[in-house]
Amino acid sequence: MTKILAVDQDLYVLECYKELFSKVGFDTHTADDAMSAIAKFGEVKPDVVILDLELPGGGGKGVLDRLRNIFMSKVPVLFATTNPETVLDLCDDPDVYIVKKEFHNQVLPITIKKILKLA
């Protein structure tokens, strides 16, 4: 089963992720700040991480930095944001993707399936 780690400071957003991904059979784990995200990553070992930029305790970019430099992980990371154009500089990493934060369609699950070559 595909494991997702969704990280956002907004608990409503995390509930939306759980609902959205459970419909397609993903095992969804959540964290609401940078430190919890790092701890949960080590515990769960997800196939994909979805990050918000604005996170207490270090932000999404800080989490990405820790994943790459401490865990030495190349796990795909999706930055879900309402303004994707503001973070295009993150695309230098071939395993980083920028997606628009939306819950009313299947864009996120489809994107994850493509990244993991499940589609």
PDB file of N, CA and C in Angstrom:
ATOM      1  N   MET A   1       0.844  -1.180   0.000  1.00  0.00           N
ATOM      2  CA  MET A   1       0.000   0.000   0.000  1.00  0.00           C
ATOM      3  C   MET A   1       0.891   1.246   0.000  1.00  0.00           C
ATOM      4  N   THR A   2       0.536   2.212  -0.796  1.00  0.00           N
ATOM      5  CA  THR A   2       1.274   3.462  -0.879  1.00  0.00           C
ATOM      6  C   THR A   2       1.067   4.286   0.385  1.00  0.00           C
ATOM      7  N   LYS A   3       2.181   4.705   0.994  1.00  0.00           N
ATOM      8  CA  LYS A   3       2.122   5.505   2.217  1.00  0.00           C
ATOM      9  C   LYS A   3       2.418   6.966   1.897  1.00  0.00           C
ATOM     10  N   ILE A   4       1.533   7.833   2.355  1.00  0.00           N
ATOM     11  CA  ILE A   4       1.652   9.275   2.159  1.00  0.00           C
ATOM     12  C   ILE A   4       1.874   9.927   3.519  1.00  0.00           C
ATOM     13  N   LEU A   5       2.801  10.867   3.576  1.00  0.00           N
ATOM     14  CA  LEU A   5       2.930  11.722   4.748  1.00  0.00           C
ATOM     15  C   LEU A   5       2.511  13.115   4.311  1.00  0.00           C
ATOM     16  N   ALA A   6       1.385  13.586   4.841  1.00  0.00           N
ATOM     17  CA  ALA A   6       0.865  14.916   4.518  1.00  0.00           C
ATOM     18  C   ALA A   6       1.143  15.840   5.695  1.00  0.00           C
ATOM     19  N   VAL A   7       1.766  16.987   5.404  1.00  0.00           N
ATOM     20  CA  VAL A   7       2.163  17.907   6.463  1.00  0.00           C
ATOM     21  C   VAL A   7       1.582  19.285   6.180  1.00  0.00           C
ATOM     22  N   ASP A   8       0.767  19.765   7.115  1.00  0.00           N
ATOM     23  CA  ASP A   8       0.147  21.086   6.985  1.00  0.00           C
ATOM     24  C   ASP A   8      -0.231  21.551   8.379  1.00  0.00           C
ATOM     25  N   GLN A   9      -0.107  22.834   8.627  1.00  0.00           N
ATOM     26  CA  GLN A   9      -0.476  23.344   9.960  1.00  0.00           C
ATOM     27  C   GLN A   9      -1.981  23.439  10.151  1.00  0.00           C
ATOM     28  N   ASP A  10      -2.742  23.378   9.082  1.00  0.00           N
ATOM     29  CA  ASP A  10      -4.190  23.481   9.125  1.00  0.00           C
ATOM     30  C   ASP A  10      -4.795  22.077   9.276  1.00  0.00           C
ATOM     31  N   LEU A  11      -5.411  21.807  10.417  1.00  0.00           N
ATOM     32  CA  LEU A  11      -5.970  20.484  10.680  1.00  0.00           C
ATOM     33  C   LEU A  11      -7.096  20.126   9.716  1.00  0.00           C
ATOM     34  N   TYR A  12      -7.828  21.130   9.240  1.00  0.00           N
ATOM     35  CA  TYR A  12      -8.879  20.867   8.249  1.00  0.00           C
ATOM     36  C   TYR A  12      -8.258  20.345   6.949  1.00  0.00           C
ATOM     37  N   VAL A  13      -7.170  20.948   6.541  1.00  0.00           N
ATOM     38  CA  VAL A  13      -6.472  20.503   5.325  1.00  0.00           C
ATOM     39  C   VAL A  13      -6.014  19.049   5.497  1.00  0.00           C
ATOM     40  N   LEU A  14      -5.484  18.718   6.657  1.00  0.00           N
ATOM     41  CA  LEU A  14      -5.041  17.343   6.896  1.00  0.00           C
ATOM     42  C   LEU A  14      -6.204  16.363   6.817  1.00  0.00           C
ATOM     43  N   GLU A  15      -7.366  16.757   7.337  1.00  0.00           N
ATOM     44  CA  GLU A  15      -8.549  15.897   7.226  1.00  0.00           C
ATOM     45  C   GLU A  15      -8.967  15.725   5.764  1.00  0.00           C
ATOM     46  N   CYS A  16      -8.874  16.794   5.002  1.00  0.00           N
ATOM     47  CA  CYS A  16      -9.189  16.719   3.563  1.00  0.00           C
ATOM     48  C   CYS A  16      -8.250  15.751   2.855  1.00  0.00           C
ATOM     49  N   TYR A  17      -6.954  15.821   3.183  1.00  0.00           N
ATOM     50  CA  TYR A  17      -5.990  14.883   2.595  1.00  0.00           C
ATOM     51  C   TYR A  17      -6.364  13.443   2.936  1.00  0.00           C
ATOM     52  N   LYS A  18      -6.666  13.194   4.203  1.00  0.00           N
ATOM     53  CA  LYS A  18      -7.020  11.832   4.620  1.00  0.00           C
ATOM     54  C   LYS A  18      -8.202  11.309   3.824  1.00  0.00           C
ATOM     55  N   GLU A  19      -9.224  12.136   3.702  1.00  0.00           N
ATOM     56  CA  GLU A  19     -10.427  11.724   2.968  1.00  0.00           C
ATOM     57  C   GLU A  19     -10.118  11.488   1.494  1.00  0.00           C
ATOM     58  N   LEU A  20      -9.406  12.430   0.892  1.00  0.00           N
ATOM     59  CA  LEU A  20      -9.078  12.336  -0.534  1.00  0.00           C
ATOM     60  C   LEU A  20      -8.251  11.093  -0.836  1.00  0.00           C
ATOM     61  N   PHE A  21      -7.220  10.852  -0.035  1.00  0.00           N
ATOM     62  CA  PHE A  21      -6.321   9.739  -0.331  1.00  0.00           C
ATOM     63  C   PHE A  21      -6.882   8.384   0.087  1.00  0.00           C
ATOM     64  N   SER A  22      -7.752   8.358   1.071  1.00  0.00           N
ATOM     65  CA  SER A  22      -8.350   7.078   1.451  1.00  0.00           C
ATOM     66  C   SER A  22      -9.237   6.554   0.322  1.00  0.00           C
ATOM     67  N   LYS A  23      -9.828   7.457  -0.450  1.00  0.00           N
ATOM     68  CA  LYS A  23     -10.688   7.055  -1.573  1.00  0.00           C
ATOM     69  C   LYS A  23      -9.922   6.294  -2.643  1.00  0.00           C
ATOM     70  N   VAL A  24      -8.603   6.534  -2.745  1.00  0.00           N
ATOM     71  CA  VAL A  24      -7.806   5.846  -3.761  1.00  0.00           C
ATOM     72  C   VAL A  24      -6.915   4.767  -3.143  1.00  0.00           C
ATOM     73  N   GLY A  25      -7.124   4.486  -1.848  1.00  0.00           N
ATOM     74  CA  GLY A  25      -6.417   3.390  -1.210  1.00  0.00           C
ATOM     75  C   GLY A  25      -5.030   3.711  -0.678  1.00  0.00           C
ATOM     76  N   PHE A  26      -4.708   4.983  -0.505  1.00  0.00           N
ATOM     77  CA  PHE A  26      -3.414   5.350   0.065  1.00  0.00           C
ATOM     78  C   PHE A  26      -3.508   5.325   1.595  1.00  0.00           C
ATOM     79  N   ASP A  27      -2.440   4.907   2.229  1.00  0.00           N
ATOM     80  CA  ASP A  27      -2.315   4.920   3.682  1.00  0.00           C
ATOM     81  C   ASP A  27      -1.757   6.291   4.057  1.00  0.00           C
ATOM     82  N   THR A  28      -2.580   7.142   4.661  1.00  0.00           N
ATOM     83  CA  THR A  28      -2.210   8.536   4.895  1.00  0.00           C
ATOM     84  C   THR A  28      -1.861   8.798   6.350  1.00  0.00           C
ATOM     85  N   HIS A  29      -0.688   9.360   6.550  1.00  0.00           N
ATOM     86  CA  HIS A  29      -0.208   9.779   7.867  1.00  0.00           C
ATOM     87  C   HIS A  29      -0.061  11.294   7.825  1.00  0.00           C
ATOM     88  N   THR A  30      -0.230  11.949   8.963  1.00  0.00           N
ATOM     89  CA  THR A  30      -0.206  13.402   8.962  1.00  0.00           C
ATOM     90  C   THR A  30       0.690  13.955  10.067  1.00  0.00           C
ATOM     91  N   ALA A  31       1.119  15.197   9.856  1.00  0.00           N
ATOM     92  CA  ALA A  31       1.857  15.962  10.853  1.00  0.00           C
ATOM     93  C   ALA A  31       1.476  17.419  10.655  1.00  0.00           C
ATOM     94  N   ASP A  32       1.503  18.196  11.764  1.00  0.00           N
ATOM     95  CA  ASP A  32       1.061  19.592  11.642  1.00  0.00           C
ATOM     96  C   ASP A  32       2.167  20.616  11.906  1.00  0.00           C
ATOM     97  N   ASP A  33       3.416  20.145  12.009  1.00  0.00           N
ATOM     98  CA  ASP A  33       4.539  21.083  12.109  1.00  0.00           C
ATOM     99  C   ASP A  33       5.810  20.394  11.614  1.00  0.00           C
ATOM    100  N   ALA A  34       6.878  21.158  11.488  1.00  0.00           N
ATOM    101  CA  ALA A  34       8.114  20.636  10.901  1.00  0.00           C
ATOM    102  C   ALA A  34       8.725  19.519  11.747  1.00  0.00           C
ATOM    103  N   MET A  35       8.764  19.686  13.053  1.00  0.00           N
ATOM    104  CA  MET A  35       9.383  18.683  13.916  1.00  0.00           C
ATOM    105  C   MET A  35       8.599  17.369  13.901  1.00  0.00           C
ATOM    106  N   SER A  36       7.277  17.469  13.929  1.00  0.00           N
ATOM    107  CA  SER A  36       6.442  16.267  13.847  1.00  0.00           C
ATOM    108  C   SER A  36       6.624  15.576  12.505  1.00  0.00           C
ATOM    109  N   ALA A  37       6.791  16.370  11.461  1.00  0.00           N
ATOM    110  CA  ALA A  37       6.986  15.806  10.120  1.00  0.00           C
ATOM    111  C   ALA A  37       8.255  14.966  10.062  1.00  0.00           C
ATOM    112  N   ILE A  38       9.331  15.480  10.640  1.00  0.00           N
ATOM    113  CA  ILE A  38      10.594  14.751  10.633  1.00  0.00           C
ATOM    114  C   ILE A  38      10.470  13.456  11.444  1.00  0.00           C
ATOM    115  N   ALA A  39       9.855  13.543  12.615  1.00  0.00           N
ATOM    116  CA  ALA A  39       9.664  12.355  13.447  1.00  0.00           C
ATOM    117  C   ALA A  39       8.800  11.323  12.742  1.00  0.00           C
ATOM    118  N   LYS A  40       7.703  11.783  12.155  1.00  0.00           N
ATOM    119  CA  LYS A  40       6.773  10.880  11.476  1.00  0.00           C
ATOM    120  C   LYS A  40       7.430  10.249  10.248  1.00  0.00           C
ATOM    121  N   PHE A  41       8.263  11.021   9.555  1.00  0.00           N
ATOM    122  CA  PHE A  41       8.964  10.491   8.385  1.00  0.00           C
ATOM    123  C   PHE A  41       9.827   9.287   8.783  1.00  0.00           C
ATOM    124  N   GLY A  42      10.582   9.438   9.875  1.00  0.00           N
ATOM    125  CA  GLY A  42      11.430   8.344  10.326  1.00  0.00           C
ATOM    126  C   GLY A  42      10.641   7.124  10.770  1.00  0.00           C
ATOM    127  N   GLU A  43       9.482   7.363  11.318  1.00  0.00           N
ATOM    128  CA  GLU A  43       8.624   6.288  11.813  1.00  0.00           C
ATOM    129  C   GLU A  43       7.897   5.558  10.681  1.00  0.00           C
ATOM    130  N   VAL A  44       7.330   6.327   9.750  1.00  0.00           N
ATOM    131  CA  VAL A  44       6.450   5.777   8.714  1.00  0.00           C
ATOM    132  C   VAL A  44       7.197   5.329   7.461  1.00  0.00           C
ATOM    133  N   LYS A  45       8.270   6.034   7.116  1.00  0.00           N
ATOM    134  CA  LYS A  45       9.007   5.806   5.871  1.00  0.00           C
ATOM    135  C   LYS A  45       8.053   5.851   4.669  1.00  0.00           C
ATOM    136  N   PRO A  46       7.458   7.029   4.434  1.00  0.00           N
ATOM    137  CA  PRO A  46       6.447   7.152   3.383  1.00  0.00           C
ATOM    138  C   PRO A  46       7.041   7.061   1.972  1.00  0.00           C
ATOM    139  N   ASP A  47       6.161   6.768   1.027  1.00  0.00           N
ATOM    140  CA  ASP A  47       6.544   6.735  -0.385  1.00  0.00           C
ATOM    141  C   ASP A  47       6.568   8.133  -0.988  1.00  0.00           C
ATOM    142  N   VAL A  48       5.757   9.028  -0.425  1.00  0.00           N
ATOM    143  CA  VAL A  48       5.633  10.413  -0.897  1.00  0.00           C
ATOM    144  C   VAL A  48       5.359  11.304   0.308  1.00  0.00           C
ATOM    145  N   VAL A  49       5.912  12.522   0.274  1.00  0.00           N
ATOM    146  CA  VAL A  49       5.636  13.520   1.299  1.00  0.00           C
ATOM    147  C   VAL A  49       4.976  14.720   0.637  1.00  0.00           C
ATOM    148  N   ILE A  50       3.884  15.185   1.227  1.00  0.00           N
ATOM    149  CA  ILE A  50       3.222  16.407   0.763  1.00  0.00           C
ATOM    150  C   ILE A  50       3.453  17.467   1.828  1.00  0.00           C
ATOM    151  N   LEU A  51       4.045  18.585   1.415  1.00  0.00           N
ATOM    152  CA  LEU A  51       4.395  19.639   2.369  1.00  0.00           C
ATOM    153  C   LEU A  51       3.706  20.948   2.040  1.00  0.00           C
ATOM    154  N   ASP A  52       3.347  21.659   3.086  1.00  0.00           N
ATOM    155  CA  ASP A  52       2.939  23.049   2.968  1.00  0.00           C
ATOM    156  C   ASP A  52       4.202  23.874   3.193  1.00  0.00           C
ATOM    157  N   LEU A  53       4.254  25.052   2.647  1.00  0.00           N
ATOM    158  CA  LEU A  53       5.426  25.914   2.849  1.00  0.00           C
ATOM    159  C   LEU A  53       5.479  26.493   4.254  1.00  0.00           C
ATOM    160  N   GLU A  54       4.330  26.938   4.737  1.00  0.00           N
ATOM    161  CA  GLU A  54       4.266  27.614   6.035  1.00  0.00           C
ATOM    162  C   GLU A  54       3.978  26.603   7.133  1.00  0.00           C
ATOM    163  N   LEU A  55       5.034  26.180   7.826  1.00  0.00           N
ATOM    164  CA  LEU A  55       4.874  25.225   8.921  1.00  0.00           C
ATOM    165  C   LEU A  55       5.581  25.757  10.157  1.00  0.00           C
ATOM    166  N   PRO A  56       4.965  25.620  11.307  1.00  0.00           N
ATOM    167  CA  PRO A  56       5.668  25.985  12.538  1.00  0.00           C
ATOM    168  C   PRO A  56       6.916  25.106  12.713  1.00  0.00           C
ATOM    169  N   GLY A  57       7.966  25.682  13.225  1.00  0.00           N
ATOM    170  CA  GLY A  57       9.154  24.905  13.541  1.00  0.00           C
ATOM    171  C   GLY A  57      10.143  24.722  12.416  1.00  0.00           C
ATOM    172  N   GLY A  58      10.036  25.498  11.352  1.00  0.00           N
ATOM    173  CA  GLY A  58      11.054  25.385  10.302  1.00  0.00           C
ATOM    174  C   GLY A  58      10.541  25.470   8.882  1.00  0.00           C
ATOM    175  N   GLY A  59       9.249  25.405   8.674  1.00  0.00           N
ATOM    176  CA  GLY A  59       8.696  25.537   7.325  1.00  0.00           C
ATOM    177  C   GLY A  59       8.941  24.316   6.462  1.00  0.00           C
ATOM    178  N   GLY A  60       8.209  24.274   5.364  1.00  0.00           N
ATOM    179  CA  GLY A  60       8.314  23.159   4.428  1.00  0.00           C
ATOM    180  C   GLY A  60       9.690  23.019   3.814  1.00  0.00           C
ATOM    181  N   LYS A  61      10.332  24.144   3.501  1.00  0.00           N
ATOM    182  CA  LYS A  61      11.678  24.087   2.929  1.00  0.00           C
ATOM    183  C   LYS A  61      12.666  23.512   3.939  1.00  0.00           C
ATOM    184  N   GLY A  62      12.476  23.815   5.209  1.00  0.00           N
ATOM    185  CA  GLY A  62      13.332  23.247   6.256  1.00  0.00           C
ATOM    186  C   GLY A  62      13.155  21.740   6.371  1.00  0.00           C
ATOM    187  N   VAL A  63      11.920  21.277   6.237  1.00  0.00           N
ATOM    188  CA  VAL A  63      11.657  19.837   6.274  1.00  0.00           C
ATOM    189  C   VAL A  63      12.341  19.169   5.086  1.00  0.00           C
ATOM    190  N   LEU A  64      12.184  19.743   3.904  1.00  0.00           N
ATOM    191  CA  LEU A  64      12.837  19.187   2.717  1.00  0.00           C
ATOM    192  C   LEU A  64      14.342  19.106   2.930  1.00  0.00           C
ATOM    193  N   ASP A  65      14.930  20.161   3.461  1.00  0.00           N
ATOM    194  CA  ASP A  65      16.369  20.178   3.706  1.00  0.00           C
ATOM    195  C   ASP A  65      16.776  19.040   4.646  1.00  0.00           C
ATOM    196  N   ARG A  66      16.018  18.824   5.685  1.00  0.00           N
ATOM    197  CA  ARG A  66      16.332  17.736   6.630  1.00  0.00           C
ATOM    198  C   ARG A  66      16.178  16.363   5.978  1.00  0.00           C
ATOM    199  N   LEU A  67      15.138  16.204   5.166  1.00  0.00           N
ATOM    200  CA  LEU A  67      14.939  14.918   4.492  1.00  0.00           C
ATOM    201  C   LEU A  67      16.119  14.599   3.588  1.00  0.00           C
ATOM    202  N   ARG A  68      16.584  15.613   2.871  1.00  0.00           N
ATOM    203  CA  ARG A  68      17.670  15.396   1.915  1.00  0.00           C
ATOM    204  C   ARG A  68      19.034  15.266   2.603  1.00  0.00           C
ATOM    205  N   ASN A  69      19.281  16.054   3.639  1.00  0.00           N
ATOM    206  CA  ASN A  69      20.621  16.127   4.220  1.00  0.00           C
ATOM    207  C   ASN A  69      20.825  15.285   5.476  1.00  0.00           C
ATOM    208  N   ILE A  70      19.766  14.976   6.203  1.00  0.00           N
ATOM    209  CA  ILE A  70      19.910  14.146   7.401  1.00  0.00           C
ATOM    210  C   ILE A  70      19.523  12.704   7.093  1.00  0.00           C
ATOM    211  N   PHE A  71      18.347  12.529   6.487  1.00  0.00           N
ATOM    212  CA  PHE A  71      17.897  11.178   6.151  1.00  0.00           C
ATOM    213  C   PHE A  71      18.507  10.681   4.842  1.00  0.00           C
ATOM    214  N   MET A  72      19.107  11.596   4.089  1.00  0.00           N
ATOM    215  CA  MET A  72      19.667  11.272   2.771  1.00  0.00           C
ATOM    216  C   MET A  72      18.609  10.599   1.892  1.00  0.00           C
ATOM    217  N   SER A  73      17.390  11.080   2.009  1.00  0.00           N
ATOM    218  CA  SER A  73      16.255  10.495   1.299  1.00  0.00           C
ATOM    219  C   SER A  73      15.964  11.241   0.004  1.00  0.00           C
ATOM    220  N   LYS A  74      15.677  10.474  -1.016  1.00  0.00           N
ATOM    221  CA  LYS A  74      15.254  11.038  -2.294  1.00  0.00           C
ATOM    222  C   LYS A  74      13.756  10.820  -2.509  1.00  0.00           C
ATOM    223  N   VAL A  75      13.027  10.601  -1.407  1.00  0.00           N
ATOM    224  CA  VAL A  75      11.583  10.402  -1.507  1.00  0.00           C
ATOM    225  C   VAL A  75      10.974  11.593  -2.249  1.00  0.00           C
ATOM    226  N   PRO A  76      10.025  11.340  -3.145  1.00  0.00           N
ATOM    227  CA  PRO A  76       9.368  12.464  -3.831  1.00  0.00           C
ATOM    228  C   PRO A  76       8.636  13.356  -2.833  1.00  0.00           C
ATOM    229  N   VAL A  77       8.791  14.663  -3.017  1.00  0.00           N
ATOM    230  CA  VAL A  77       8.148  15.654  -2.159  1.00  0.00           C
ATOM    231  C   VAL A  77       7.294  16.556  -3.030  1.00  0.00           C
ATOM    232  N   LEU A  78       6.023  16.674  -2.665  1.00  0.00           N
ATOM    233  CA  LEU A  78       5.116  17.593  -3.348  1.00  0.00           C
ATOM    234  C   LEU A  78       4.865  18.767  -2.434  1.00  0.00           C
ATOM    235  N   PHE A  79       5.152  19.958  -2.916  1.00  0.00           N
ATOM    236  CA  PHE A  79       4.775  21.159  -2.190  1.00  0.00           C
ATOM    237  C   PHE A  79       3.396  21.545  -2.684  1.00  0.00           C
ATOM    238  N   ALA A  80       2.413  21.489  -1.805  1.00  0.00           N
ATOM    239  CA  ALA A  80       1.045  21.866  -2.143  1.00  0.00           C
ATOM    240  C   ALA A  80       0.828  23.287  -1.640  1.00  0.00           C
ATOM    241  N   THR A  81       0.545  24.171  -2.565  1.00  0.00           N
ATOM    242  CA  THR A  81       0.410  25.582  -2.223  1.00  0.00           C
ATOM    243  C   THR A  81      -0.675  26.229  -3.075  1.00  0.00           C
ATOM    244  N   THR A  82      -1.236  27.298  -2.563  1.00  0.00           N
ATOM    245  CA  THR A  82      -2.251  28.017  -3.330  1.00  0.00           C
ATOM    246  C   THR A  82      -1.604  28.906  -4.393  1.00  0.00           C
ATOM    247  N   ASN A  83      -0.293  29.175  -4.250  1.00  0.00           N
ATOM    248  CA  ASN A  83       0.441  30.002  -5.223  1.00  0.00           C
ATOM    249  C   ASN A  83       1.681  29.269  -5.728  1.00  0.00           C
ATOM    250  N   PRO A  84       1.512  28.280  -6.611  1.00  0.00           N
ATOM    251  CA  PRO A  84       2.654  27.487  -7.072  1.00  0.00           C
ATOM    252  C   PRO A  84       3.779  28.312  -7.700  1.00  0.00           C
ATOM    253  N   GLU A  85       3.441  29.407  -8.325  1.00  0.00           N
ATOM    254  CA  GLU A  85       4.464  30.214  -9.004  1.00  0.00           C
ATOM    255  C   GLU A  85       5.481  30.828  -8.039  1.00  0.00           C
ATOM    256  N   THR A  86       5.153  30.877  -6.752  1.00  0.00           N
ATOM    257  CA  THR A  86       6.062  31.488  -5.779  1.00  0.00           C
ATOM    258  C   THR A  86       7.179  30.548  -5.329  1.00  0.00           C
ATOM    259  N   VAL A  87       7.105  29.285  -5.690  1.00  0.00           N
ATOM    260  CA  VAL A  87       8.101  28.324  -5.221  1.00  0.00           C
ATOM    261  C   VAL A  87       8.769  27.548  -6.358  1.00  0.00           C
ATOM    262  N   LEU A  88       8.772  28.109  -7.529  1.00  0.00           N
ATOM    263  CA  LEU A  88       9.351  27.406  -8.664  1.00  0.00           C
ATOM    264  C   LEU A  88      10.843  27.133  -8.483  1.00  0.00           C
ATOM    265  N   ASP A  89      11.515  27.907  -7.623  1.00  0.00           N
ATOM    266  CA  ASP A  89      12.941  27.684  -7.365  1.00  0.00           C
ATOM    267  C   ASP A  89      13.210  26.308  -6.753  1.00  0.00           C
ATOM    268  N   LEU A  90      12.212  25.696  -6.167  1.00  0.00           N
ATOM    269  CA  LEU A  90      12.375  24.378  -5.557  1.00  0.00           C
ATOM    270  C   LEU A  90      12.483  23.260  -6.593  1.00  0.00           C
ATOM    271  N   CYS A  91      12.141  23.570  -7.822  1.00  0.00           N
ATOM    272  CA  CYS A  91      12.135  22.548  -8.869  1.00  0.00           C
ATOM    273  C   CYS A  91      13.535  22.151  -9.323  1.00  0.00           C
ATOM    274  N   ASP A  92      14.568  22.724  -8.733  1.00  0.00           N
ATOM    275  CA  ASP A  92      15.934  22.314  -9.065  1.00  0.00           C
ATOM    276  C   ASP A  92      16.183  20.869  -8.645  1.00  0.00           C
ATOM    277  N   ASP A  93      15.493  20.419  -7.620  1.00  0.00           N
ATOM    278  CA  ASP A  93      15.581  19.035  -7.152  1.00  0.00           C
ATOM    279  C   ASP A  93      14.643  18.202  -8.028  1.00  0.00           C
ATOM    280  N   PRO A  94      15.170  17.188  -8.718  1.00  0.00           N
ATOM    281  CA  PRO A  94      14.317  16.401  -9.630  1.00  0.00           C
ATOM    282  C   PRO A  94      13.220  15.615  -8.932  1.00  0.00           C
ATOM    283  N   ASP A  95      13.300  15.483  -7.606  1.00  0.00           N
ATOM    284  CA  ASP A  95      12.284  14.745  -6.867  1.00  0.00           C
ATOM    285  C   ASP A  95      11.348  15.665  -6.088  1.00  0.00           C
ATOM    286  N   VAL A  96      11.311  16.945  -6.493  1.00  0.00           N
ATOM    287  CA  VAL A  96      10.403  17.911  -5.880  1.00  0.00           C
ATOM    288  C   VAL A  96       9.393  18.348  -6.930  1.00  0.00           C
ATOM    289  N   TYR A  97       8.140  18.359  -6.537  1.00  0.00           N
ATOM    290  CA  TYR A  97       7.052  18.726  -7.422  1.00  0.00           C
ATOM    291  C   TYR A  97       6.239  19.823  -6.756  1.00  0.00           C
ATOM    292  N   ILE A  98       5.708  20.704  -7.558  1.00  0.00           N
ATOM    293  CA  ILE A  98       4.875  21.794  -7.056  1.00  0.00           C
ATOM    294  C   ILE A  98       3.463  21.563  -7.581  1.00  0.00           C
ATOM    295  N   VAL A  99       2.497  21.532  -6.679  1.00  0.00           N
ATOM    296  CA  VAL A  99       1.107  21.337  -7.086  1.00  0.00           C
ATOM    297  C   VAL A  99       0.227  22.380  -6.409  1.00  0.00           C
ATOM    298  N   LYS A 100      -0.861  22.700  -7.059  1.00  0.00           N
ATOM    299  CA  LYS A 100      -1.826  23.623  -6.480  1.00  0.00           C
ATOM    300  C   LYS A 100      -2.643  22.870  -5.435  1.00  0.00           C
ATOM    301  N   LYS A 101      -2.832  23.489  -4.292  1.00  0.00           N
ATOM    302  CA  LYS A 101      -3.563  22.860  -3.191  1.00  0.00           C
ATOM    303  C   LYS A 101      -5.053  22.888  -3.520  1.00  0.00           C
ATOM    304  N   GLU A 102      -5.582  21.717  -3.873  1.00  0.00           N
ATOM    305  CA  GLU A 102      -7.007  21.574  -4.198  1.00  0.00           C
ATOM    306  C   GLU A 102      -7.486  20.222  -3.683  1.00  0.00           C
ATOM    307  N   PHE A 103      -8.723  20.185  -3.228  1.00  0.00           N
ATOM    308  CA  PHE A 103      -9.256  18.943  -2.685  1.00  0.00           C
ATOM    309  C   PHE A 103     -10.526  18.473  -3.402  1.00  0.00           C
ATOM    310  N   HIS A 104     -10.998  19.244  -4.335  1.00  0.00           N
ATOM    311  CA  HIS A 104     -12.270  18.901  -4.960  1.00  0.00           C
ATOM    312  C   HIS A 104     -12.114  18.029  -6.205  1.00  0.00           C
ATOM    313  N   ASN A 105     -10.885  17.693  -6.553  1.00  0.00           N
ATOM    314  CA  ASN A 105     -10.683  16.853  -7.733  1.00  0.00           C
ATOM    315  C   ASN A 105      -9.599  15.822  -7.437  1.00  0.00           C
ATOM    316  N   GLN A 106      -9.225  15.076  -8.432  1.00  0.00           N
ATOM    317  CA  GLN A 106      -8.267  13.982  -8.257  1.00  0.00           C
ATOM    318  C   GLN A 106      -6.848  14.353  -8.694  1.00  0.00           C
ATOM    319  N   VAL A 107      -6.538  15.643  -8.814  1.00  0.00           N
ATOM    320  CA  VAL A 107      -5.224  16.064  -9.297  1.00  0.00           C
ATOM    321  C   VAL A 107      -4.105  15.518  -8.411  1.00  0.00           C
ATOM    322  N   LEU A 108      -4.229  15.668  -7.098  1.00  0.00           N
ATOM    323  CA  LEU A 108      -3.166  15.183  -6.208  1.00  0.00           C
ATOM    324  C   LEU A 108      -2.987  13.661  -6.290  1.00  0.00           C
ATOM    325  N   PRO A 109      -4.050  12.867  -6.161  1.00  0.00           N
ATOM    326  CA  PRO A 109      -3.860  11.418  -6.283  1.00  0.00           C
ATOM    327  C   PRO A 109      -3.302  11.000  -7.647  1.00  0.00           C
ATOM    328  N   ILE A 110      -3.767  11.628  -8.699  1.00  0.00           N
ATOM    329  CA  ILE A 110      -3.267  11.301 -10.044  1.00  0.00           C
ATOM    330  C   ILE A 110      -1.792  11.656 -10.157  1.00  0.00           C
ATOM    331  N   THR A 111      -1.416  12.825  -9.641  1.00  0.00           N
ATOM    332  CA  THR A 111      -0.017  13.248  -9.677  1.00  0.00           C
ATOM    333  C   THR A 111       0.857  12.256  -8.911  1.00  0.00           C
ATOM    334  N   ILE A 112       0.410  11.848  -7.739  1.00  0.00           N
ATOM    335  CA  ILE A 112       1.183  10.884  -6.945  1.00  0.00           C
ATOM    336  C   ILE A 112       1.318   9.559  -7.680  1.00  0.00           C
ATOM    337  N   LYS A 113       0.246   9.093  -8.277  1.00  0.00           N
ATOM    338  CA  LYS A 113       0.306   7.835  -9.029  1.00  0.00           C
ATOM    339  C   LYS A 113       1.298   7.933 -10.192  1.00  0.00           C
ATOM    340  N   LYS A 114       1.326   9.088 -10.863  1.00  0.00           N
ATOM    341  CA  LYS A 114       2.281   9.269 -11.970  1.00  0.00           C
ATOM    342  C   LYS A 114       3.704   9.280 -11.447  1.00  0.00           C
ATOM    343  N   ILE A 115       3.965   9.992 -10.364  1.00  0.00           N
ATOM    344  CA  ILE A 115       5.294  10.083  -9.796  1.00  0.00           C
ATOM    345  C   ILE A 115       5.798   8.691  -9.407  1.00  0.00           C
ATOM    346  N   LEU A 116       4.926   7.906  -8.795  1.00  0.00           N
ATOM    347  CA  LEU A 116       5.309   6.567  -8.340  1.00  0.00           C
ATOM    348  C   LEU A 116       5.114   5.511  -9.406  1.00  0.00           C
ATOM    349  N   LYS A 117       4.737   5.964 -10.597  1.00  0.00           N
ATOM    350  CA  LYS A 117       4.504   5.066 -11.733  1.00  0.00           C
ATOM    351  C   LYS A 117       3.471   3.986 -11.408  1.00  0.00           C
ATOM    352  N   LEU A 118       2.399   4.420 -10.722  1.00  0.00           N
ATOM    353  CA  LEU A 118       1.298   3.525 -10.398  1.00  0.00           C
ATOM    354  C   LEU A 118       0.149   3.669 -11.383  1.00  0.00           C
ATOM    355  N   ALA A 119       0.210   4.732 -12.196  1.00  0.00           N
ATOM    356  CA  ALA A 119      -0.909   5.013 -13.120  1.00  0.00           C
ATOM    357  C   ALA A 119      -0.753   4.209 -14.392  1.00  0.00           C
TER     358      ALA A 119
END
